[in-house]
Amino acid sequence: MAEDIAECIVWTLERPAHVNIDSLIVRPRAQASNTVVARS
């Protein structure tokens, strides 16, 4: 997951100067919300 976060950071830094990233939420595919995690 650390590589995924690093990729997101690089992506935000590569946006043009006129682009503002207000928020970015990264969740595992098995996570339905901030409090619900699908476990098998």
Foldseek 3Di string as FASTA:
>chain_A
DVVVVVVVVVVVVPDDPVDDDPDDDDDDPQAPDPPRGDDD
